[in-house]
Amino acid sequence: MKSRQRRLKAIELSPEYACLGRLPDPLPERLPRGKSELEGLDRKRLMQLWEENLRFFWGRTKQELVFFTAHGHWPERACHEQDCRKARFDEMVCRYNRTGAEP
């Protein structure tokens, strides 16, 4: 469960990238050395995280993945205001459409 929460946290930290496929402008400041959760992990642990990630997303259709990106949960789970990111996703898409910037 903690691994899933970390993945969701990473997506939340970069919602513009997750939703629109582009980096935010301006770019956020880099984390100071030693502050990243991935620093210091050995190859074995990185491979475990990669495999967990594959299992989490494997077998999902493109439509389900798009839904997950917009909402932060899978379609089979009902939307609840406190844990569904759809409103924030819509606001980002609207802002993107107003600026006319390339993704």
Protein backbone atom coordinates (compact mmCIF):
# COMPACT_ATOMS: atom_id res chain seq x y z
CA MET A 1 0.00 0.00 0.00
CA LYS A 2 2.84 2.42 0.77
CA SER A 3 4.28 1.94 -2.70
CA ARG A 4 0.92 2.83 -4.27
CA GLN A 5 0.69 5.94 -2.11
CA ARG A 6 4.18 6.98 -3.22
CA ARG A 7 3.17 6.61 -6.88
CA LEU A 8 0.05 8.70 -6.34
CA LYS A 9 2.09 11.30 -4.45
CA ALA A 10 4.56 11.51 -7.34
CA ILE A 11 1.71 12.06 -9.78
CA GLU A 12 0.24 14.76 -7.53
CA LEU A 13 3.60 16.51 -7.32
CA SER A 14 3.58 16.90 -11.07
CA PRO A 15 -0.08 17.14 -12.08
CA GLU A 16 0.61 19.16 -15.19
CA TYR A 17 2.97 16.48 -16.49
CA ALA A 18 0.59 13.68 -15.54
CA CYS A 19 -2.47 15.36 -17.05
CA LEU A 20 -1.10 17.22 -20.04
CA GLY A 21 2.16 15.43 -20.77
CA ARG A 22 4.27 18.55 -20.37
CA LEU A 23 6.45 20.02 -17.68
CA PRO A 24 5.19 23.02 -15.72
CA ASP A 25 6.50 26.44 -16.66
CA PRO A 26 8.45 27.62 -14.76
CA LEU A 27 10.05 24.37 -13.62
CA PRO A 28 9.98 23.75 -9.86
CA GLU A 29 13.22 23.99 -7.92
CA ARG A 30 15.26 20.79 -7.74
CA LEU A 31 15.21 18.88 -4.48
CA PRO A 32 18.36 19.31 -2.40
CA ARG A 33 20.74 16.35 -2.47
CA GLY A 34 19.58 13.62 -0.10
CA LYS A 35 15.88 14.63 -0.11
CA SER A 36 14.68 12.28 -2.88
CA GLU A 37 13.14 8.99 -1.76
CA LEU A 38 14.90 7.24 -4.65
CA GLU A 39 18.42 8.32 -3.74
CA GLY A 40 20.47 5.57 -2.22
CA LEU A 41 18.24 2.71 -3.40
CA ASP A 42 20.14 -0.24 -4.75
CA ARG A 43 19.43 -1.88 -8.10
CA LYS A 44 17.46 -4.73 -6.50
CA ARG A 45 15.05 -2.35 -4.73
CA LEU A 46 14.65 -0.20 -7.84
CA MET A 47 13.74 -3.32 -9.83
CA GLN A 48 11.19 -4.28 -7.15
CA LEU A 49 9.58 -0.83 -7.40
CA TRP A 50 9.53 -1.08 -11.19
CA GLU A 51 7.83 -4.50 -11.05
CA GLU A 52 5.24 -3.22 -8.53
CA ASN A 53 4.53 -0.35 -10.88
CA LEU A 54 4.09 -2.72 -13.83
CA ARG A 55 1.67 -4.90 -11.86
CA PHE A 56 -0.31 -1.82 -10.79
CA PHE A 57 -0.86 -0.58 -14.35
CA TRP A 58 -0.60 -3.82 -16.36
CA GLY A 59 -3.69 -4.97 -18.22
CA ARG A 60 -5.46 -1.61 -18.07
CA THR A 61 -6.93 -0.16 -21.23
CA LYS A 62 -5.95 3.24 -22.56
CA GLN A 63 -9.33 4.59 -21.43
CA GLU A 64 -8.77 3.30 -17.88
CA LEU A 65 -5.30 4.87 -17.78
CA VAL A 66 -6.67 8.23 -18.96
CA PHE A 67 -9.40 7.99 -16.31
CA PHE A 68 -6.79 7.21 -13.64
CA THR A 69 -4.68 10.18 -14.74
CA ALA A 70 -7.64 12.54 -14.47
CA HIS A 71 -9.26 11.15 -11.33
CA GLY A 72 -6.44 9.52 -9.34
CA HIS A 73 -8.37 6.26 -8.99
CA TRP A 74 -9.63 3.48 -11.23
CA PRO A 75 -13.07 3.68 -12.91
CA GLU A 76 -14.48 0.82 -10.84
CA ARG A 77 -14.17 2.96 -7.70
CA ALA A 78 -16.79 5.63 -7.27
CA CYS A 79 -15.72 9.28 -7.29
CA HIS A 80 -15.73 10.97 -3.89
CA GLU A 81 -15.05 14.68 -3.60
CA GLN A 82 -12.21 14.31 -1.09
CA ASP A 83 -10.13 11.82 -3.11
CA CYS A 84 -11.03 12.49 -6.75
CA ARG A 85 -8.77 14.90 -8.67
CA LYS A 86 -11.13 15.42 -11.63
CA ALA A 87 -11.94 19.06 -10.81
CA ARG A 88 -8.23 19.94 -10.61
CA PHE A 89 -7.59 18.06 -13.86
CA ASP A 90 -10.38 19.98 -15.62
CA GLU A 91 -8.98 23.29 -14.36
CA MET A 92 -5.52 22.46 -15.73
CA VAL A 93 -6.92 21.45 -19.11
CA CYS A 94 -8.98 24.65 -19.21
CA ARG A 95 -5.91 26.75 -18.36
CA TYR A 96 -3.93 24.91 -21.06
CA ASN A 97 -6.66 25.54 -23.64
CA ARG A 98 -6.78 29.26 -22.79
CA THR A 99 -3.03 29.72 -23.22
CA GLY A 100 -2.88 27.76 -26.48
CA ALA A 101 0.55 26.44 -25.53
CA GLU A 102 1.90 23.26 -27.04
CA PRO A 103 1.95 20.25 -24.70
